[in-house]
Amino acid sequence: MADVNPTTVTSLAAGDVTTVVPIVTTMARAYTRGRGFDAGEPNDEIAAVIATAAARLAVNGEQLARKKVDDVEYEYTLRGTFGWTLAEQVVLNRYRVRAQ
């Protein structure tokens, strides 16, 4: 089993694009079980999904929502885990291998 580097986790939470893009790429490859990738490189459609998902994760690596009411500002968990948007899933599902 691969060890998780704490620096990677910190970089991900900080929204470091050089950390986020490879992780989102790995998630996309796992979701599609490698379909849509040629020699490890995603096709244009999957690359677009990776770009949008990585941008969303990089902007808010901690996945927190912030709200300000009058002079009080608070933050709360946006959601428990990272997930694909509906548009991203539509594209990825074109390549996903599904059980029959």
C-alpha atoms as a PDB file:
ATOM      1  CA  MET A   1       0.000   0.000   0.000  1.00  0.00           C
ATOM      2  CA  ALA A   2       1.302   3.450  -0.904  1.00  0.00           C
ATOM      3  CA  ASP A   3       2.082   5.848   1.896  1.00  0.00           C
ATOM      4  CA  VAL A   4       0.243   9.158   1.967  1.00  0.00           C
ATOM      5  CA  ASN A   5       2.613  12.078   2.150  1.00  0.00           C
ATOM      6  CA  PRO A   6       1.385  14.691   4.661  1.00  0.00           C
ATOM      7  CA  THR A   7       2.848  17.415   2.432  1.00  0.00           C
ATOM      8  CA  THR A   8       0.547  16.277  -0.370  1.00  0.00           C
ATOM      9  CA  VAL A   9      -2.470  16.609   1.914  1.00  0.00           C
ATOM     10  CA  THR A  10      -1.397  20.081   3.013  1.00  0.00           C
ATOM     11  CA  SER A  11      -0.773  21.153  -0.599  1.00  0.00           C
ATOM     12  CA  LEU A  12      -4.163  19.819  -1.645  1.00  0.00           C
ATOM     13  CA  ALA A  13      -5.974  21.691   1.125  1.00  0.00           C
ATOM     14  CA  ALA A  14      -4.066  24.849   0.160  1.00  0.00           C
ATOM     15  CA  GLY A  15      -5.196  24.480  -3.461  1.00  0.00           C
ATOM     16  CA  ASP A  16      -1.758  23.915  -4.988  1.00  0.00           C
ATOM     17  CA  VAL A  17      -2.537  23.235  -8.660  1.00  0.00           C
ATOM     18  CA  THR A  18       0.565  21.076  -9.126  1.00  0.00           C
ATOM     19  CA  THR A  19      -0.871  18.756  -6.465  1.00  0.00           C
ATOM     20  CA  VAL A  20      -4.551  19.026  -7.419  1.00  0.00           C
ATOM     21  CA  VAL A  21      -4.303  18.225 -11.155  1.00  0.00           C
ATOM     22  CA  PRO A  22      -2.534  14.840 -10.805  1.00  0.00           C
ATOM     23  CA  ILE A  23      -4.962  13.761  -8.089  1.00  0.00           C
ATOM     24  CA  VAL A  24      -8.043  14.739 -10.130  1.00  0.00           C
ATOM     25  CA  THR A  25      -6.493  13.019 -13.173  1.00  0.00           C
ATOM     26  CA  THR A  26      -6.041   9.821 -11.168  1.00  0.00           C
ATOM     27  CA  MET A  27      -9.642  10.038  -9.973  1.00  0.00           C
ATOM     28  CA  ALA A  28     -10.888  10.514 -13.558  1.00  0.00           C
ATOM     29  CA  ARG A  29      -8.789   7.564 -14.755  1.00  0.00           C
ATOM     30  CA  ALA A  30     -10.183   5.400 -11.954  1.00  0.00           C
ATOM     31  CA  TYR A  31     -13.773   6.508 -12.671  1.00  0.00           C
ATOM     32  CA  THR A  32     -13.467   5.594 -16.354  1.00  0.00           C
ATOM     33  CA  ARG A  33     -11.239   2.576 -15.649  1.00  0.00           C
ATOM     34  CA  GLY A  34      -8.670   4.006 -18.045  1.00  0.00           C
ATOM     35  CA  ARG A  35     -10.989   4.475 -21.024  1.00  0.00           C
ATOM     36  CA  GLY A  36     -10.423   7.809 -22.743  1.00  0.00           C
ATOM     37  CA  PHE A  37      -6.737   7.802 -21.849  1.00  0.00           C
ATOM     38  CA  ASP A  38      -4.016   7.066 -24.389  1.00  0.00           C
ATOM     39  CA  ALA A  39      -0.549   6.351 -22.988  1.00  0.00           C
ATOM     40  CA  GLY A  40      -1.660   7.918 -19.715  1.00  0.00           C
ATOM     41  CA  GLU A  41      -2.883  11.128 -21.363  1.00  0.00           C
ATOM     42  CA  PRO A  42      -6.591  12.039 -21.297  1.00  0.00           C
ATOM     43  CA  ASN A  43      -8.478  12.850 -24.487  1.00  0.00           C
ATOM     44  CA  ASP A  44      -9.843  16.390 -24.928  1.00  0.00           C
ATOM     45  CA  GLU A  45     -13.193  15.676 -23.262  1.00  0.00           C
ATOM     46  CA  ILE A  46     -11.707  14.106 -20.153  1.00  0.00           C
ATOM     47  CA  ALA A  47      -9.013  16.803 -20.034  1.00  0.00           C
ATOM     48  CA  ALA A  48     -11.807  19.402 -19.905  1.00  0.00           C
ATOM     49  CA  VAL A  49     -13.381  17.554 -16.966  1.00  0.00           C
ATOM     50  CA  ILE A  50     -10.022  17.420 -15.206  1.00  0.00           C
ATOM     51  CA  ALA A  51      -9.491  21.148 -15.783  1.00  0.00           C
ATOM     52  CA  THR A  52     -12.897  22.164 -14.408  1.00  0.00           C
ATOM     53  CA  ALA A  53     -12.778  19.804 -11.427  1.00  0.00           C
ATOM     54  CA  ALA A  54      -9.174  20.744 -10.598  1.00  0.00           C
ATOM     55  CA  ALA A  55      -9.998  24.456 -10.809  1.00  0.00           C
ATOM     56  CA  ARG A  56     -12.968  23.996  -8.474  1.00  0.00           C
ATOM     57  CA  LEU A  57     -10.878  22.022  -6.001  1.00  0.00           C
ATOM     58  CA  ALA A  58      -7.893  24.402  -6.226  1.00  0.00           C
ATOM     59  CA  VAL A  59     -10.057  27.442  -5.503  1.00  0.00           C
ATOM     60  CA  ASN A  60     -11.512  25.810  -2.405  1.00  0.00           C
ATOM     61  CA  GLY A  61      -9.211  22.985  -1.361  1.00  0.00           C
ATOM     62  CA  GLU A  62     -10.674  22.812   2.114  1.00  0.00           C
ATOM     63  CA  GLN A  63     -14.194  22.433   0.629  1.00  0.00           C
ATOM     64  CA  LEU A  64     -15.630  25.055   2.985  1.00  0.00           C
ATOM     65  CA  ALA A  65     -18.377  27.567   2.348  1.00  0.00           C
ATOM     66  CA  ARG A  66     -18.116  31.001   3.893  1.00  0.00           C
ATOM     67  CA  LYS A  67     -20.972  33.256   4.796  1.00  0.00           C
ATOM     68  CA  LYS A  68     -21.096  36.732   6.252  1.00  0.00           C
ATOM     69  CA  VAL A  69     -24.124  38.113   8.058  1.00  0.00           C
ATOM     70  CA  ASP A  70     -23.710  41.685   9.257  1.00  0.00           C
ATOM     71  CA  ASP A  71     -20.331  41.704  11.019  1.00  0.00           C
ATOM     72  CA  VAL A  72     -20.220  37.981  11.699  1.00  0.00           C
ATOM     73  CA  GLU A  73     -18.439  35.709   9.258  1.00  0.00           C
ATOM     74  CA  TYR A  74     -18.514  31.943   9.588  1.00  0.00           C
ATOM     75  CA  GLU A  75     -17.570  28.926   7.545  1.00  0.00           C
ATOM     76  CA  TYR A  76     -19.042  25.471   7.295  1.00  0.00           C
ATOM     77  CA  THR A  77     -18.355  22.274   5.418  1.00  0.00           C
ATOM     78  CA  LEU A  78     -19.632  22.520   1.873  1.00  0.00           C
ATOM     79  CA  ARG A  79     -19.815  18.761   1.533  1.00  0.00           C
ATOM     80  CA  GLY A  80     -18.075  15.784   3.020  1.00  0.00           C
ATOM     81  CA  THR A  81     -16.089  14.725  -0.030  1.00  0.00           C
ATOM     82  CA  PHE A  82     -14.997  15.907  -3.442  1.00  0.00           C
ATOM     83  CA  GLY A  83     -17.381  14.884  -6.200  1.00  0.00           C
ATOM     84  CA  TRP A  84     -17.987  15.401  -9.882  1.00  0.00           C
ATOM     85  CA  THR A  85     -20.533  17.982 -11.004  1.00  0.00           C
ATOM     86  CA  LEU A  86     -23.429  16.749 -13.107  1.00  0.00           C
ATOM     87  CA  ALA A  87     -21.832  18.111 -16.303  1.00  0.00           C
ATOM     88  CA  GLU A  88     -18.522  16.406 -15.487  1.00  0.00           C
ATOM     89  CA  GLN A  89     -20.291  13.128 -14.760  1.00  0.00           C
ATOM     90  CA  VAL A  90     -22.137  13.236 -18.077  1.00  0.00           C
ATOM     91  CA  VAL A  91     -18.797  13.407 -19.897  1.00  0.00           C
ATOM     92  CA  LEU A  92     -17.078  10.786 -17.725  1.00  0.00           C
ATOM     93  CA  ASN A  93     -20.020   8.397 -17.982  1.00  0.00           C
ATOM     94  CA  ARG A  94     -19.487   8.246 -21.754  1.00  0.00           C
ATOM     95  CA  TYR A  95     -16.209   6.453 -21.016  1.00  0.00           C
ATOM     96  CA  ARG A  96     -17.097   4.578 -17.857  1.00  0.00           C
ATOM     97  CA  VAL A  97     -17.264   0.819 -18.088  1.00  0.00           C
ATOM     98  CA  ARG A  98     -20.465  -0.355 -16.456  1.00  0.00           C
ATOM     99  CA  ALA A  99     -21.546  -3.812 -15.381  1.00  0.00           C
ATOM    100  CA  GLN A 100     -24.134  -5.459 -17.619  1.00  0.00           C
END
